[in-house]
């Protein structure tokens, strides 16, 4: 969006539109550069939106979708690599 003098005008988008564009870019399979070029969005703005809105994975209504899956290991306390610990232990024990 440029004016007759060649200066780019800023277009302000609301949260709902920003969330829609973020989802659309992911589902499009296009790179951010190509998506921004196609939609005339400054790449810096798009990256700012991702940092601000998508980092929390919250929708435009401010809620985050949570999916709870039951643990396959009953009583599992911690898992580090291939090591599974089934009871609480102190940090000193883990450090050793």
C-alpha atoms as a PDB file:
ATOM      1  CA  UNK A   1       0.000   0.000   0.000  1.00  0.00           C
ATOM      2  CA  UNK A   2       1.799   3.068  -1.243  1.00  0.00           C
ATOM      3  CA  UNK A   3       0.553   6.558  -1.789  1.00  0.00           C
ATOM      4  CA  UNK A   4       1.157   8.595  -4.931  1.00  0.00           C
ATOM      5  CA  UNK A   5       4.346   9.923  -3.318  1.00  0.00           C
ATOM      6  CA  UNK A   6       5.676   6.355  -2.938  1.00  0.00           C
ATOM      7  CA  UNK A   7       5.442   6.378   0.868  1.00  0.00           C
ATOM      8  CA  UNK A   8       4.031   3.190   2.346  1.00  0.00           C
ATOM      9  CA  UNK A   9       0.894   3.687   4.446  1.00  0.00           C
ATOM     10  CA  UNK A  10       0.413   1.630   7.583  1.00  0.00           C
ATOM     11  CA  UNK A  11      -2.596  -0.634   7.780  1.00  0.00           C
ATOM     12  CA  UNK A  12      -3.749  -1.391  11.303  1.00  0.00           C
ATOM     13  CA  UNK A  13      -5.257  -4.810  11.949  1.00  0.00           C
ATOM     14  CA  UNK A  14      -7.279  -5.917  14.953  1.00  0.00           C
ATOM     15  CA  UNK A  15      -6.444  -9.019  17.019  1.00  0.00           C
ATOM     16  CA  UNK A  16      -9.000 -11.188  15.244  1.00  0.00           C
ATOM     17  CA  UNK A  17      -7.538 -10.388  11.831  1.00  0.00           C
ATOM     18  CA  UNK A  18      -3.985 -10.944  13.073  1.00  0.00           C
ATOM     19  CA  UNK A  19      -4.912 -14.362  14.500  1.00  0.00           C
ATOM     20  CA  UNK A  20      -6.614 -15.256  11.225  1.00  0.00           C
ATOM     21  CA  UNK A  21      -3.510 -14.288   9.246  1.00  0.00           C
ATOM     22  CA  UNK A  22      -1.228 -16.264  11.578  1.00  0.00           C
ATOM     23  CA  UNK A  23      -3.387 -19.392  11.175  1.00  0.00           C
ATOM     24  CA  UNK A  24      -3.680 -18.834   7.438  1.00  0.00           C
ATOM     25  CA  UNK A  25       0.109 -18.639   7.019  1.00  0.00           C
ATOM     26  CA  UNK A  26       0.612 -21.943   8.857  1.00  0.00           C
ATOM     27  CA  UNK A  27      -2.110 -23.752   6.911  1.00  0.00           C
ATOM     28  CA  UNK A  28      -0.962 -22.292   3.575  1.00  0.00           C
ATOM     29  CA  UNK A  29       2.408 -24.043   3.734  1.00  0.00           C
ATOM     30  CA  UNK A  30       4.049 -20.887   2.377  1.00  0.00           C
ATOM     31  CA  UNK A  31       7.168 -19.410   3.896  1.00  0.00           C
ATOM     32  CA  UNK A  32       6.654 -16.278   5.950  1.00  0.00           C
ATOM     33  CA  UNK A  33       8.454 -14.246   3.288  1.00  0.00           C
ATOM     34  CA  UNK A  34       6.201 -15.487   0.477  1.00  0.00           C
ATOM     35  CA  UNK A  35       3.019 -15.194   2.582  1.00  0.00           C
ATOM     36  CA  UNK A  36       3.869 -11.621   3.580  1.00  0.00           C
ATOM     37  CA  UNK A  37       4.659 -10.687  -0.029  1.00  0.00           C
ATOM     38  CA  UNK A  38       1.343 -12.153  -1.212  1.00  0.00           C
ATOM     39  CA  UNK A  39      -0.633 -10.278   1.470  1.00  0.00           C
ATOM     40  CA  UNK A  40       1.407  -7.045   1.408  1.00  0.00           C
ATOM     41  CA  UNK A  41       2.391  -7.424   5.064  1.00  0.00           C
ATOM     42  CA  UNK A  42       5.766  -6.164   6.282  1.00  0.00           C
ATOM     43  CA  UNK A  43       7.753  -9.204   7.425  1.00  0.00           C
ATOM     44  CA  UNK A  44       8.825  -7.441  10.609  1.00  0.00           C
ATOM     45  CA  UNK A  45       5.199  -6.848  11.549  1.00  0.00           C
ATOM     46  CA  UNK A  46       4.371 -10.497  10.942  1.00  0.00           C
ATOM     47  CA  UNK A  47       7.230 -11.655  13.173  1.00  0.00           C
ATOM     48  CA  UNK A  48       6.103  -9.205  15.868  1.00  0.00           C
ATOM     49  CA  UNK A  49       2.574 -10.639  15.679  1.00  0.00           C
ATOM     50  CA  UNK A  50       3.908 -14.182  16.028  1.00  0.00           C
ATOM     51  CA  UNK A  51       5.978 -13.227  19.054  1.00  0.00           C
ATOM     52  CA  UNK A  52       3.127 -11.331  20.674  1.00  0.00           C
ATOM     53  CA  UNK A  53       0.124 -13.510  19.849  1.00  0.00           C
ATOM     54  CA  UNK A  54       1.201 -16.947  18.746  1.00  0.00           C
ATOM     55  CA  UNK A  55       3.808 -17.602  21.427  1.00  0.00           C
ATOM     56  CA  UNK A  56       0.978 -18.198  23.886  1.00  0.00           C
ATOM     57  CA  UNK A  57      -1.122 -20.153  21.376  1.00  0.00           C
ATOM     58  CA  UNK A  58      -4.157 -18.219  22.535  1.00  0.00           C
ATOM     59  CA  UNK A  59      -7.076 -17.658  20.285  1.00  0.00           C
ATOM     60  CA  UNK A  60      -8.592 -14.259  19.563  1.00  0.00           C
ATOM     61  CA  UNK A  61     -10.970 -14.752  22.498  1.00  0.00           C
ATOM     62  CA  UNK A  62      -8.036 -15.010  24.940  1.00  0.00           C
ATOM     63  CA  UNK A  63      -8.505 -18.701  25.702  1.00  0.00           C
ATOM     64  CA  UNK A  64      -6.005 -21.450  25.096  1.00  0.00           C
ATOM     65  CA  UNK A  65      -7.047 -24.910  23.978  1.00  0.00           C
ATOM     66  CA  UNK A  66      -5.811 -27.578  26.371  1.00  0.00           C
ATOM     67  CA  UNK A  67      -5.676 -31.243  25.547  1.00  0.00           C
ATOM     68  CA  UNK A  68      -5.130 -33.647  28.424  1.00  0.00           C
ATOM     69  CA  UNK A  69      -3.853 -37.121  27.689  1.00  0.00           C
ATOM     70  CA  UNK A  70      -3.605 -39.738  30.398  1.00  0.00           C
ATOM     71  CA  UNK A  71      -0.118 -40.852  31.317  1.00  0.00           C
ATOM     72  CA  UNK A  72       0.896 -44.275  30.053  1.00  0.00           C
ATOM     73  CA  UNK A  73       3.085 -44.780  33.119  1.00  0.00           C
ATOM     74  CA  UNK A  74       1.196 -44.697  36.378  1.00  0.00           C
ATOM     75  CA  UNK A  75       3.204 -43.135  39.157  1.00  0.00           C
ATOM     76  CA  UNK A  76       5.856 -41.680  36.832  1.00  0.00           C
ATOM     77  CA  UNK A  77       7.502 -38.733  38.595  1.00  0.00           C
ATOM     78  CA  UNK A  78      10.079 -37.624  36.030  1.00  0.00           C
ATOM     79  CA  UNK A  79      11.649 -38.770  32.810  1.00  0.00           C
ATOM     80  CA  UNK A  80      15.022 -37.529  31.617  1.00  0.00           C
ATOM     81  CA  UNK A  81      16.179 -39.111  28.396  1.00  0.00           C
ATOM     82  CA  UNK A  82      15.759 -42.846  28.885  1.00  0.00           C
ATOM     83  CA  UNK A  83      15.789 -42.624  32.688  1.00  0.00           C
ATOM     84  CA  UNK A  84      12.385 -42.928  34.385  1.00  0.00           C
ATOM     85  CA  UNK A  85      11.890 -42.031  38.035  1.00  0.00           C
ATOM     86  CA  UNK A  86       8.723 -43.271  39.709  1.00  0.00           C
ATOM     87  CA  UNK A  87       8.975 -41.475  43.054  1.00  0.00           C
ATOM     88  CA  UNK A  88       9.871 -37.949  44.107  1.00  0.00           C
ATOM     89  CA  UNK A  89      13.585 -37.434  44.689  1.00  0.00           C
ATOM     90  CA  UNK A  90      15.663 -34.457  45.763  1.00  0.00           C
ATOM     91  CA  UNK A  91      17.559 -32.282  43.318  1.00  0.00           C
ATOM     92  CA  UNK A  92      20.819 -33.404  44.956  1.00  0.00           C
ATOM     93  CA  UNK A  93      19.976 -37.013  44.103  1.00  0.00           C
ATOM     94  CA  UNK A  94      19.330 -36.089  40.465  1.00  0.00           C
ATOM     95  CA  UNK A  95      22.530 -34.069  40.336  1.00  0.00           C
ATOM     96  CA  UNK A  96      24.569 -37.022  41.582  1.00  0.00           C
END
